[in-house]
C-alpha cells in the first residue's frame, strides 16, 4: 500500500494535490462535480481587503499549450469571503483550506491576513506578492527582494498560521527573492505564479486582452516551474509548494523530485474540472511504476 501523505509546516495532507488559486473558486462549485474531500487541500480564489470587479474584458487569450489571463483579482473582498464563502465551503469540505491573499500595499496584506488568520477553516495562508505595489510605482512586491521581505515580516507579525509566500517567475534571480522571504520569517514558498504573456489578433491588429498583457499558464510553463522549484530548494530550508503547468501524476513526481512538498494544479482545472481527482486516483499506479512507496521520501530527490 503506497503512502501519498505529506506535511506542510505541521499541516498534514492526505496527498500533495492542491488546486491552485484562481482556478477552483471557493471550492463548492467543484463540489457539485465530485467529492472535493479527496483533495489534499485547495487554495481559494485570491482575496483582497476590498471587493474588486477585476480588469476589463476580454480577459482570456488562448495559446498553444497554455492560456493567458488578466482577470485582475476579481473577488468579493475579505469580509464577504469570511461571512458568505467560507460558511458555504464548510458544508462540502471538511479539511483545512489554503487562503490566498492579494494586496496593493503592505497595510492591505496585513489587514486581510490578520482577519483570515482567525478563521478555523484556514490551515495555511498563501500570500501572493505578484500584485502591483501602489507605493512603489506599480512594480509588484515579488520583483524586489527588499519589498518581498517587508511584506513577509509585516504579515508574520499578525498571523499564527503558517505563511507561504507565492513568488512571481518574472524576475532575474528567483533565489534572491525566496531567500528574502525566508529571512522575513516565511514558513514556506509557493512557486511559480504565471509568466507574462501576450497575444495579438491578426484581424484587428490589436492585443487580444484588454489589459494588453496577462499571466501565461498551462503545460508550456512546466519546465520553467520545475527549474525554479529546483533552484529555490537549494537556496532555502523551508518547504515549497510547486506549481506551473502540472497536469499529470508524472508531473507531480517530477515537481516533488525537484523539491516540492505540495503540488498545485492550476490551468488544467479549466480544461478538465476532474483533473485533480484523476491525478490523485492515478498516483498509486505511477508510484508503483517508479518503485516509490512513500511520496514524502522523494521530496528533493533529484538533488
C-alpha atoms as a PDB file:
ATOM      1  CA  UNK A   1       0.000   0.000   0.000  1.00  0.00           C
ATOM      2  CA  UNK A   2       1.567   3.295  -1.079  1.00  0.00           C
ATOM      3  CA  UNK A   3       1.598   6.361   1.177  1.00  0.00           C
ATOM      4  CA  UNK A   4       0.527   9.611  -0.517  1.00  0.00           C
ATOM      5  CA  UNK A   5       0.572  11.817   2.610  1.00  0.00           C
ATOM      6  CA  UNK A   6       2.764  14.898   3.034  1.00  0.00           C
ATOM      7  CA  UNK A   7       3.081  17.580   5.715  1.00  0.00           C
ATOM      8  CA  UNK A   8       3.303  21.328   5.101  1.00  0.00           C
ATOM      9  CA  UNK A   9       4.508  23.209   8.191  1.00  0.00           C
ATOM     10  CA  UNK A  10       2.567  20.950  10.544  1.00  0.00           C
ATOM     11  CA  UNK A  11      -0.483  20.716   8.276  1.00  0.00           C
ATOM     12  CA  UNK A  12      -0.843  17.054   7.305  1.00  0.00           C
ATOM     13  CA  UNK A  13      -2.380  16.391   3.897  1.00  0.00           C
ATOM     14  CA  UNK A  14      -3.705  13.029   2.687  1.00  0.00           C
ATOM     15  CA  UNK A  15      -1.914  13.740  -0.598  1.00  0.00           C
ATOM     16  CA  UNK A  16       0.061  16.640  -2.109  1.00  0.00           C
ATOM     17  CA  UNK A  17      -2.572  17.660  -4.690  1.00  0.00           C
ATOM     18  CA  UNK A  18      -3.865  21.221  -4.252  1.00  0.00           C
ATOM     19  CA  UNK A  19      -5.954  23.073  -6.861  1.00  0.00           C
ATOM     20  CA  UNK A  20      -4.292  26.442  -7.398  1.00  0.00           C
ATOM     21  CA  UNK A  21      -5.817  29.785  -6.531  1.00  0.00           C
ATOM     22  CA  UNK A  22      -7.949  31.340  -9.246  1.00  0.00           C
ATOM     23  CA  UNK A  23      -8.768  28.013 -10.888  1.00  0.00           C
ATOM     24  CA  UNK A  24     -11.026  26.489  -8.215  1.00  0.00           C
ATOM     25  CA  UNK A  25     -13.189  29.373  -6.989  1.00  0.00           C
ATOM     26  CA  UNK A  26     -14.126  28.886  -3.344  1.00  0.00           C
ATOM     27  CA  UNK A  27     -14.457  25.134  -3.765  1.00  0.00           C
ATOM     28  CA  UNK A  28     -18.175  24.496  -3.551  1.00  0.00           C
ATOM     29  CA  UNK A  29     -18.598  24.994  -7.305  1.00  0.00           C
ATOM     30  CA  UNK A  30     -16.436  21.912  -7.911  1.00  0.00           C
ATOM     31  CA  UNK A  31     -18.167  20.001  -5.107  1.00  0.00           C
ATOM     32  CA  UNK A  32     -21.129  19.707  -7.478  1.00  0.00           C
ATOM     33  CA  UNK A  33     -18.908  17.629  -9.802  1.00  0.00           C
ATOM     34  CA  UNK A  34     -17.046  15.351  -7.347  1.00  0.00           C
ATOM     35  CA  UNK A  35     -16.300  14.942  -3.645  1.00  0.00           C
ATOM     36  CA  UNK A  36     -13.576  17.550  -3.146  1.00  0.00           C
ATOM     37  CA  UNK A  37     -12.582  15.963   0.179  1.00  0.00           C
ATOM     38  CA  UNK A  38     -10.364  13.692  -1.929  1.00  0.00           C
ATOM     39  CA  UNK A  39      -8.001  16.682  -2.283  1.00  0.00           C
ATOM     40  CA  UNK A  40      -5.023  17.317  -0.042  1.00  0.00           C
ATOM     41  CA  UNK A  41      -6.345  20.878   0.259  1.00  0.00           C
ATOM     42  CA  UNK A  42      -7.019  23.732  -2.155  1.00  0.00           C
ATOM     43  CA  UNK A  43      -6.031  27.366  -2.455  1.00  0.00           C
ATOM     44  CA  UNK A  44      -9.112  29.530  -2.774  1.00  0.00           C
ATOM     45  CA  UNK A  45      -9.593  32.471  -5.109  1.00  0.00           C
ATOM     46  CA  UNK A  46      -7.225  35.374  -4.484  1.00  0.00           C
ATOM     47  CA  UNK A  47      -8.824  37.552  -1.813  1.00  0.00           C
ATOM     48  CA  UNK A  48      -8.202  41.247  -1.194  1.00  0.00           C
ATOM     49  CA  UNK A  49      -9.213  43.716   1.510  1.00  0.00           C
ATOM     50  CA  UNK A  50     -11.951  45.324  -0.617  1.00  0.00           C
ATOM     51  CA  UNK A  51     -14.236  43.876  -3.317  1.00  0.00           C
ATOM     52  CA  UNK A  52     -12.755  44.016  -6.826  1.00  0.00           C
ATOM     53  CA  UNK A  53     -14.584  43.902 -10.135  1.00  0.00           C
ATOM     54  CA  UNK A  54     -11.352  42.964 -11.894  1.00  0.00           C
ATOM     55  CA  UNK A  55      -9.904  44.029 -15.222  1.00  0.00           C
ATOM     56  CA  UNK A  56     -11.887  44.980 -18.349  1.00  0.00           C
ATOM     57  CA  UNK A  57     -12.785  42.236 -20.833  1.00  0.00           C
ATOM     58  CA  UNK A  58     -11.607  40.382 -22.835  1.00  0.00           C
ATOM     59  CA  UNK A  59      -9.536  38.798 -20.062  1.00  0.00           C
ATOM     60  CA  UNK A  60      -8.618  35.447 -21.606  1.00  0.00           C
ATOM     61  CA  UNK A  61      -6.483  34.532 -24.628  1.00  0.00           C
ATOM     62  CA  UNK A  62      -5.823  31.001 -25.851  1.00  0.00           C
ATOM     63  CA  UNK A  63      -2.297  29.828 -26.655  1.00  0.00           C
ATOM     64  CA  UNK A  64      -0.663  26.632 -27.854  1.00  0.00           C
ATOM     65  CA  UNK A  65      -0.191  24.506 -24.700  1.00  0.00           C
ATOM     66  CA  UNK A  66      -1.487  27.221 -22.413  1.00  0.00           C
ATOM     67  CA  UNK A  67      -3.553  30.336 -21.868  1.00  0.00           C
ATOM     68  CA  UNK A  68      -3.186  33.983 -20.892  1.00  0.00           C
ATOM     69  CA  UNK A  69      -5.453  35.539 -18.300  1.00  0.00           C
ATOM     70  CA  UNK A  70      -5.811  39.033 -16.911  1.00  0.00           C
ATOM     71  CA  UNK A  71      -8.741  38.634 -14.536  1.00  0.00           C
ATOM     72  CA  UNK A  72      -7.407  41.253 -12.136  1.00  0.00           C
ATOM     73  CA  UNK A  73      -8.143  39.613  -8.775  1.00  0.00           C
ATOM     74  CA  UNK A  74     -11.909  39.798  -9.136  1.00  0.00           C
ATOM     75  CA  UNK A  75     -13.299  38.824  -5.724  1.00  0.00           C
ATOM     76  CA  UNK A  76     -15.965  39.919  -3.220  1.00  0.00           C
ATOM     77  CA  UNK A  77     -13.475  41.162  -0.602  1.00  0.00           C
ATOM     78  CA  UNK A  78     -12.299  39.530   2.619  1.00  0.00           C
ATOM     79  CA  UNK A  79     -15.407  40.302   4.692  1.00  0.00           C
ATOM     80  CA  UNK A  80     -17.706  38.641   2.141  1.00  0.00           C
ATOM     81  CA  UNK A  81     -15.337  35.667   1.921  1.00  0.00           C
ATOM     82  CA  UNK A  82     -15.455  35.185   5.702  1.00  0.00           C
ATOM     83  CA  UNK A  83     -19.188  35.790   6.078  1.00  0.00           C
ATOM     84  CA  UNK A  84     -20.503  34.120   2.908  1.00  0.00           C
ATOM     85  CA  UNK A  85     -17.970  31.983   1.037  1.00  0.00           C
ATOM     86  CA  UNK A  86     -16.349  30.072   3.920  1.00  0.00           C
ATOM     87  CA  UNK A  87     -19.698  29.022   5.506  1.00  0.00           C
ATOM     88  CA  UNK A  88     -20.790  27.629   2.103  1.00  0.00           C
ATOM     89  CA  UNK A  89     -17.463  25.838   1.745  1.00  0.00           C
ATOM     90  CA  UNK A  90     -17.756  24.279   5.197  1.00  0.00           C
ATOM     91  CA  UNK A  91     -20.833  22.354   4.037  1.00  0.00           C
ATOM     92  CA  UNK A  92     -18.866  20.453   1.394  1.00  0.00           C
ATOM     93  CA  UNK A  93     -15.201  20.464   2.521  1.00  0.00           C
ATOM     94  CA  UNK A  94     -14.158  19.085   5.906  1.00  0.00           C
ATOM     95  CA  UNK A  95     -10.417  19.740   5.618  1.00  0.00           C
ATOM     96  CA  UNK A  96      -8.313  22.845   6.153  1.00  0.00           C
ATOM     97  CA  UNK A  97      -8.195  25.219   3.204  1.00  0.00           C
ATOM     98  CA  UNK A  98      -5.392  27.474   1.958  1.00  0.00           C
ATOM     99  CA  UNK A  99      -6.282  31.177   1.984  1.00  0.00           C
ATOM    100  CA  UNK A 100      -4.732  33.025  -0.948  1.00  0.00           C
ATOM    101  CA  UNK A 101      -4.288  36.744  -0.241  1.00  0.00           C
ATOM    102  CA  UNK A 102      -3.594  39.612  -2.617  1.00  0.00           C
ATOM    103  CA  UNK A 103      -2.908  43.255  -1.836  1.00  0.00           C
ATOM    104  CA  UNK A 104      -1.744  46.548  -3.265  1.00  0.00           C
ATOM    105  CA  UNK A 105       0.094  47.843  -0.197  1.00  0.00           C
ATOM    106  CA  UNK A 106       1.686  46.287   2.889  1.00  0.00           C
ATOM    107  CA  UNK A 107      -1.220  47.554   5.005  1.00  0.00           C
ATOM    108  CA  UNK A 108      -3.735  45.746   2.773  1.00  0.00           C
ATOM    109  CA  UNK A 109      -1.861  42.447   3.072  1.00  0.00           C
ATOM    110  CA  UNK A 110      -1.713  42.846   6.856  1.00  0.00           C
ATOM    111  CA  UNK A 111      -5.426  43.683   7.145  1.00  0.00           C
ATOM    112  CA  UNK A 112      -6.589  40.699   5.087  1.00  0.00           C
ATOM    113  CA  UNK A 113      -4.159  38.169   6.569  1.00  0.00           C
ATOM    114  CA  UNK A 114      -4.997  39.176  10.132  1.00  0.00           C
ATOM    115  CA  UNK A 115      -8.709  38.528   9.526  1.00  0.00           C
ATOM    116  CA  UNK A 116      -8.209  35.208   7.731  1.00  0.00           C
ATOM    117  CA  UNK A 117      -5.799  34.036  10.430  1.00  0.00           C
ATOM    118  CA  UNK A 118      -8.768  33.929  12.812  1.00  0.00           C
ATOM    119  CA  UNK A 119     -10.760  31.532  10.626  1.00  0.00           C
ATOM    120  CA  UNK A 120     -10.805  27.927  11.864  1.00  0.00           C
ATOM    121  CA  UNK A 121     -11.154  26.542   8.315  1.00  0.00           C
ATOM    122  CA  UNK A 122      -7.933  28.199   7.173  1.00  0.00           C
ATOM    123  CA  UNK A 123      -4.928  25.935   7.683  1.00  0.00           C
ATOM    124  CA  UNK A 124      -2.350  27.950   5.809  1.00  0.00           C
ATOM    125  CA  UNK A 125      -2.085  31.457   4.332  1.00  0.00           C
ATOM    126  CA  UNK A 126      -0.623  31.894   0.848  1.00  0.00           C
ATOM    127  CA  UNK A 127       0.440  35.475   0.193  1.00  0.00           C
ATOM    128  CA  UNK A 128       0.567  36.414  -3.477  1.00  0.00           C
ATOM    129  CA  UNK A 129       3.242  39.103  -3.824  1.00  0.00           C
ATOM    130  CA  UNK A 130       2.813  39.430  -7.585  1.00  0.00           C
ATOM    131  CA  UNK A 131       0.330  42.268  -7.029  1.00  0.00           C
ATOM    132  CA  UNK A 132       1.351  45.822  -8.027  1.00  0.00           C
ATOM    133  CA  UNK A 133       2.927  47.849  -5.243  1.00  0.00           C
ATOM    134  CA  UNK A 134       0.931  51.092  -5.326  1.00  0.00           C
ATOM    135  CA  UNK A 135       3.575  52.803  -3.209  1.00  0.00           C
ATOM    136  CA  UNK A 136       6.392  51.599  -5.438  1.00  0.00           C
ATOM    137  CA  UNK A 137       5.378  52.809  -8.866  1.00  0.00           C
ATOM    138  CA  UNK A 138       3.294  49.793  -9.830  1.00  0.00           C
ATOM    139  CA  UNK A 139       6.023  47.134  -9.800  1.00  0.00           C
ATOM    140  CA  UNK A 140       4.989  44.023  -7.909  1.00  0.00           C
ATOM    141  CA  UNK A 141       6.328  43.315  -4.410  1.00  0.00           C
ATOM    142  CA  UNK A 142       7.596  39.992  -5.739  1.00  0.00           C
ATOM    143  CA  UNK A 143      10.143  41.545  -8.103  1.00  0.00           C
ATOM    144  CA  UNK A 144      12.140  43.220  -5.325  1.00  0.00           C
ATOM    145  CA  UNK A 145      13.819  41.251  -2.533  1.00  0.00           C
ATOM    146  CA  UNK A 146      13.558  44.075  -0.006  1.00  0.00           C
ATOM    147  CA  UNK A 147       9.834  44.580  -0.677  1.00  0.00           C
ATOM    148  CA  UNK A 148       9.208  40.824  -0.504  1.00  0.00           C
ATOM    149  CA  UNK A 149      10.878  40.683   2.896  1.00  0.00           C
ATOM    150  CA  UNK A 150       8.887  43.680   4.182  1.00  0.00           C
ATOM    151  CA  UNK A 151       5.560  42.103   3.223  1.00  0.00           C
ATOM    152  CA  UNK A 152       6.586  38.802   4.803  1.00  0.00           C
ATOM    153  CA  UNK A 153       7.693  40.416   8.060  1.00  0.00           C
ATOM    154  CA  UNK A 154       4.533  42.520   8.300  1.00  0.00           C
ATOM    155  CA  UNK A 155       2.201  39.555   7.706  1.00  0.00           C
ATOM    156  CA  UNK A 156       4.077  37.306  10.135  1.00  0.00           C
ATOM    157  CA  UNK A 157       3.554  39.870  12.909  1.00  0.00           C
ATOM    158  CA  UNK A 158      -0.244  39.451  12.722  1.00  0.00           C
ATOM    159  CA  UNK A 159      -0.567  35.724  11.969  1.00  0.00           C
ATOM    160  CA  UNK A 160      -0.133  32.489  13.853  1.00  0.00           C
ATOM    161  CA  UNK A 161      -0.872  30.133  10.965  1.00  0.00           C
ATOM    162  CA  UNK A 162       1.878  29.097   8.526  1.00  0.00           C
ATOM    163  CA  UNK A 163       2.554  31.749   5.871  1.00  0.00           C
ATOM    164  CA  UNK A 164       3.710  30.742   2.390  1.00  0.00           C
ATOM    165  CA  UNK A 165       4.801  33.476   0.003  1.00  0.00           C
ATOM    166  CA  UNK A 166       3.782  32.978  -3.633  1.00  0.00           C
ATOM    167  CA  UNK A 167       6.525  34.177  -5.956  1.00  0.00           C
ATOM    168  CA  UNK A 168       6.489  35.642  -9.445  1.00  0.00           C
ATOM    169  CA  UNK A 169       8.773  33.995 -12.034  1.00  0.00           C
ATOM    170  CA  UNK A 170       9.181  37.354 -13.797  1.00  0.00           C
ATOM    171  CA  UNK A 171      12.492  38.102 -12.064  1.00  0.00           C
ATOM    172  CA  UNK A 172      16.179  37.747 -12.851  1.00  0.00           C
ATOM    173  CA  UNK A 173      17.039  35.591  -9.811  1.00  0.00           C
ATOM    174  CA  UNK A 174      14.208  33.703  -8.103  1.00  0.00           C
ATOM    175  CA  UNK A 175      16.518  32.502  -5.312  1.00  0.00           C
ATOM    176  CA  UNK A 176      17.237  36.066  -4.163  1.00  0.00           C
ATOM    177  CA  UNK A 177      13.506  36.691  -3.622  1.00  0.00           C
ATOM    178  CA  UNK A 178      12.989  33.319  -1.918  1.00  0.00           C
ATOM    179  CA  UNK A 179      15.876  33.918   0.500  1.00  0.00           C
ATOM    180  CA  UNK A 180      14.492  37.363   1.351  1.00  0.00           C
ATOM    181  CA  UNK A 181      11.116  35.809   2.198  1.00  0.00           C
ATOM    182  CA  UNK A 182      12.802  33.175   4.366  1.00  0.00           C
ATOM    183  CA  UNK A 183      14.742  35.942   6.152  1.00  0.00           C
ATOM    184  CA  UNK A 184      11.421  37.717   6.717  1.00  0.00           C
ATOM    185  CA  UNK A 185      10.041  34.698   8.550  1.00  0.00           C
ATOM    186  CA  UNK A 186       8.122  32.875   5.804  1.00  0.00           C
ATOM    187  CA  UNK A 187       7.150  29.322   6.723  1.00  0.00           C
ATOM    188  CA  UNK A 188       7.266  28.233   3.084  1.00  0.00           C
ATOM    189  CA  UNK A 189       7.390  29.294  -0.551  1.00  0.00           C
ATOM    190  CA  UNK A 190       4.805  28.795  -3.315  1.00  0.00           C
ATOM    191  CA  UNK A 191       6.066  28.966  -6.886  1.00  0.00           C
ATOM    192  CA  UNK A 192       5.648  29.736  -9.669  1.00  0.00           C
ATOM    193  CA  UNK A 193       2.955  32.246 -10.436  1.00  0.00           C
ATOM    194  CA  UNK A 194       2.228  32.957 -14.109  1.00  0.00           C
ATOM    195  CA  UNK A 195       4.746  34.207 -16.635  1.00  0.00           C
ATOM    196  CA  UNK A 196       3.955  37.420 -18.511  1.00  0.00           C
ATOM    197  CA  UNK A 197       2.489  36.825 -21.972  1.00  0.00           C
ATOM    198  CA  UNK A 198       0.636  38.493 -24.825  1.00  0.00           C
ATOM    199  CA  UNK A 199      -1.379  37.632 -27.970  1.00  0.00           C
ATOM    200  CA  UNK A 200      -2.292  39.876 -30.909  1.00  0.00           C
ATOM    201  CA  UNK A 201      -5.442  39.478 -33.005  1.00  0.00           C
ATOM    202  CA  UNK A 202      -4.478  39.372 -36.688  1.00  0.00           C
ATOM    203  CA  UNK A 203      -7.856  40.706 -37.808  1.00  0.00           C
ATOM    204  CA  UNK A 204      -7.944  43.772 -35.553  1.00  0.00           C
ATOM    205  CA  UNK A 205      -4.133  44.105 -35.366  1.00  0.00           C
ATOM    206  CA  UNK A 206      -4.622  44.792 -31.636  1.00  0.00           C
ATOM    207  CA  UNK A 207      -3.805  42.860 -28.426  1.00  0.00           C
ATOM    208  CA  UNK A 208      -6.396  40.154 -27.682  1.00  0.00           C
ATOM    209  CA  UNK A 209      -6.578  41.059 -23.990  1.00  0.00           C
ATOM    210  CA  UNK A 210      -7.951  44.471 -22.979  1.00  0.00           C
ATOM    211  CA  UNK A 211      -5.104  44.834 -20.498  1.00  0.00           C
ATOM    212  CA  UNK A 212      -2.666  44.050 -23.376  1.00  0.00           C
ATOM    213  CA  UNK A 213      -0.626  41.561 -21.306  1.00  0.00           C
ATOM    214  CA  UNK A 214      -1.556  38.860 -18.823  1.00  0.00           C
ATOM    215  CA  UNK A 215      -0.427  35.798 -16.919  1.00  0.00           C
ATOM    216  CA  UNK A 216       0.697  32.896 -19.128  1.00  0.00           C
ATOM    217  CA  UNK A 217      -0.012  29.466 -17.642  1.00  0.00           C
ATOM    218  CA  UNK A 218      -0.526  25.879 -18.752  1.00  0.00           C
ATOM    219  CA  UNK A 219       1.612  22.931 -19.875  1.00  0.00           C
ATOM    220  CA  UNK A 220       4.127  25.139 -21.698  1.00  0.00           C
ATOM    221  CA  UNK A 221       5.490  26.673 -18.473  1.00  0.00           C
ATOM    222  CA  UNK A 222       6.112  23.359 -16.659  1.00  0.00           C
ATOM    223  CA  UNK A 223       9.870  23.153 -17.410  1.00  0.00           C
ATOM    224  CA  UNK A 224      10.335  26.724 -16.146  1.00  0.00           C
ATOM    225  CA  UNK A 225       8.454  25.871 -12.948  1.00  0.00           C
ATOM    226  CA  UNK A 226      10.498  22.714 -12.337  1.00  0.00           C
ATOM    227  CA  UNK A 227      13.719  24.684 -12.830  1.00  0.00           C
ATOM    228  CA  UNK A 228      12.698  27.390 -10.367  1.00  0.00           C
ATOM    229  CA  UNK A 229      11.492  24.919  -7.727  1.00  0.00           C
ATOM    230  CA  UNK A 230      14.812  23.096  -8.078  1.00  0.00           C
ATOM    231  CA  UNK A 231      16.775  26.337  -7.627  1.00  0.00           C
ATOM    232  CA  UNK A 232      14.739  27.531  -4.640  1.00  0.00           C
ATOM    233  CA  UNK A 233      15.012  24.130  -2.916  1.00  0.00           C
ATOM    234  CA  UNK A 234      18.785  24.549  -2.927  1.00  0.00           C
ATOM    235  CA  UNK A 235      18.585  28.169  -1.726  1.00  0.00           C
ATOM    236  CA  UNK A 236      16.223  27.904   1.274  1.00  0.00           C
ATOM    237  CA  UNK A 237      15.476  25.442   4.074  1.00  0.00           C
ATOM    238  CA  UNK A 238      11.694  25.968   4.236  1.00  0.00           C
ATOM    239  CA  UNK A 239       9.093  23.831   2.392  1.00  0.00           C
ATOM    240  CA  UNK A 240       7.955  24.538  -1.154  1.00  0.00           C
ATOM    241  CA  UNK A 241       4.579  24.222  -2.858  1.00  0.00           C
ATOM    242  CA  UNK A 242       5.367  23.769  -6.536  1.00  0.00           C
ATOM    243  CA  UNK A 243       3.077  24.721  -9.409  1.00  0.00           C
ATOM    244  CA  UNK A 244       3.101  25.741 -13.047  1.00  0.00           C
ATOM    245  CA  UNK A 245       1.832  23.574 -15.891  1.00  0.00           C
ATOM    246  CA  UNK A 246       1.168  20.472 -13.770  1.00  0.00           C
ATOM    247  CA  UNK A 247      -1.380  18.203 -15.470  1.00  0.00           C
ATOM    248  CA  UNK A 248      -0.467  14.579 -14.697  1.00  0.00           C
ATOM    249  CA  UNK A 249       0.712  12.207 -11.964  1.00  0.00           C
ATOM    250  CA  UNK A 250       4.109  12.073 -13.632  1.00  0.00           C
ATOM    251  CA  UNK A 251       4.329  15.874 -13.435  1.00  0.00           C
ATOM    252  CA  UNK A 252       3.618  15.648  -9.697  1.00  0.00           C
ATOM    253  CA  UNK A 253       6.508  13.231  -9.153  1.00  0.00           C
ATOM    254  CA  UNK A 254       8.833  15.422 -11.217  1.00  0.00           C
ATOM    255  CA  UNK A 255       7.863  18.522  -9.245  1.00  0.00           C
ATOM    256  CA  UNK A 256       8.433  16.713  -5.935  1.00  0.00           C
ATOM    257  CA  UNK A 257      11.817  15.372  -7.052  1.00  0.00           C
ATOM    258  CA  UNK A 258      12.746  18.991  -7.831  1.00  0.00           C
ATOM    259  CA  UNK A 259      11.920  19.924  -4.225  1.00  0.00           C
ATOM    260  CA  UNK A 260       8.178  20.479  -3.799  1.00  0.00           C
ATOM    261  CA  UNK A 261       6.303  19.055  -0.823  1.00  0.00           C
ATOM    262  CA  UNK A 262       2.866  20.099  -2.082  1.00  0.00           C
ATOM    263  CA  UNK A 263       1.896  20.404  -5.752  1.00  0.00           C
ATOM    264  CA  UNK A 264      -0.724  22.797  -7.085  1.00  0.00           C
ATOM    265  CA  UNK A 265      -2.698  22.223 -10.266  1.00  0.00           C
ATOM    266  CA  UNK A 266      -3.909  25.387 -11.993  1.00  0.00           C
ATOM    267  CA  UNK A 267      -4.863  25.855 -15.634  1.00  0.00           C
ATOM    268  CA  UNK A 268      -5.553  22.119 -16.074  1.00  0.00           C
ATOM    269  CA  UNK A 269      -8.678  22.565 -13.879  1.00  0.00           C
ATOM    270  CA  UNK A 270     -10.125  24.844 -16.547  1.00  0.00           C
ATOM    271  CA  UNK A 271      -9.681  22.154 -19.217  1.00  0.00           C
ATOM    272  CA  UNK A 272     -10.759  19.163 -17.134  1.00  0.00           C
ATOM    273  CA  UNK A 273     -12.643  20.020 -13.919  1.00  0.00           C
ATOM    274  CA  UNK A 274     -11.889  16.500 -12.609  1.00  0.00           C
ATOM    275  CA  UNK A 275      -8.124  16.655 -13.265  1.00  0.00           C
ATOM    276  CA  UNK A 276      -7.135  16.776  -9.579  1.00  0.00           C
ATOM    277  CA  UNK A 277      -9.354  13.800  -8.774  1.00  0.00           C
ATOM    278  CA  UNK A 278      -7.898  11.933 -11.761  1.00  0.00           C
ATOM    279  CA  UNK A 279      -4.312  12.667 -10.676  1.00  0.00           C
ATOM    280  CA  UNK A 280      -4.929  11.556  -7.081  1.00  0.00           C
ATOM    281  CA  UNK A 281      -6.522   8.297  -8.239  1.00  0.00           C
ATOM    282  CA  UNK A 282      -3.656   7.694 -10.689  1.00  0.00           C
ATOM    283  CA  UNK A 283      -0.798   8.453  -8.275  1.00  0.00           C
ATOM    284  CA  UNK A 284      -0.597   4.930  -6.766  1.00  0.00           C
ATOM    285  CA  UNK A 285      -0.140   3.489 -10.273  1.00  0.00           C
ATOM    286  CA  UNK A 286       2.767   5.783 -11.201  1.00  0.00           C
ATOM    287  CA  UNK A 287       4.340   5.390  -7.758  1.00  0.00           C
ATOM    288  CA  UNK A 288       4.397   1.628  -8.214  1.00  0.00           C
ATOM    289  CA  UNK A 289       5.740   2.047 -11.754  1.00  0.00           C
ATOM    290  CA  UNK A 290       8.726   4.018 -10.418  1.00  0.00           C
ATOM    291  CA  UNK A 291       9.166   1.934  -7.238  1.00  0.00           C
ATOM    292  CA  UNK A 292       8.024   4.666  -4.851  1.00  0.00           C
ATOM    293  CA  UNK A 293       6.304   3.516  -1.662  1.00  0.00           C
ATOM    294  CA  UNK A 294       6.107   6.832   0.171  1.00  0.00           C
ATOM    295  CA  UNK A 295       5.710  10.163  -1.628  1.00  0.00           C
ATOM    296  CA  UNK A 296       7.368  12.165   1.133  1.00  0.00           C
ATOM    297  CA  UNK A 297      10.563  10.159   0.582  1.00  0.00           C
ATOM    298  CA  UNK A 298      11.154  11.628  -2.881  1.00  0.00           C
ATOM    299  CA  UNK A 299      10.947  15.346  -1.960  1.00  0.00           C
ATOM    300  CA  UNK A 300      14.134  16.917  -3.351  1.00  0.00           C
ATOM    301  CA  UNK A 301      15.312  13.532  -4.577  1.00  0.00           C
ATOM    302  CA  UNK A 302      16.761  14.958  -7.798  1.00  0.00           C
ATOM    303  CA  UNK A 303      19.398  16.947  -5.886  1.00  0.00           C
END
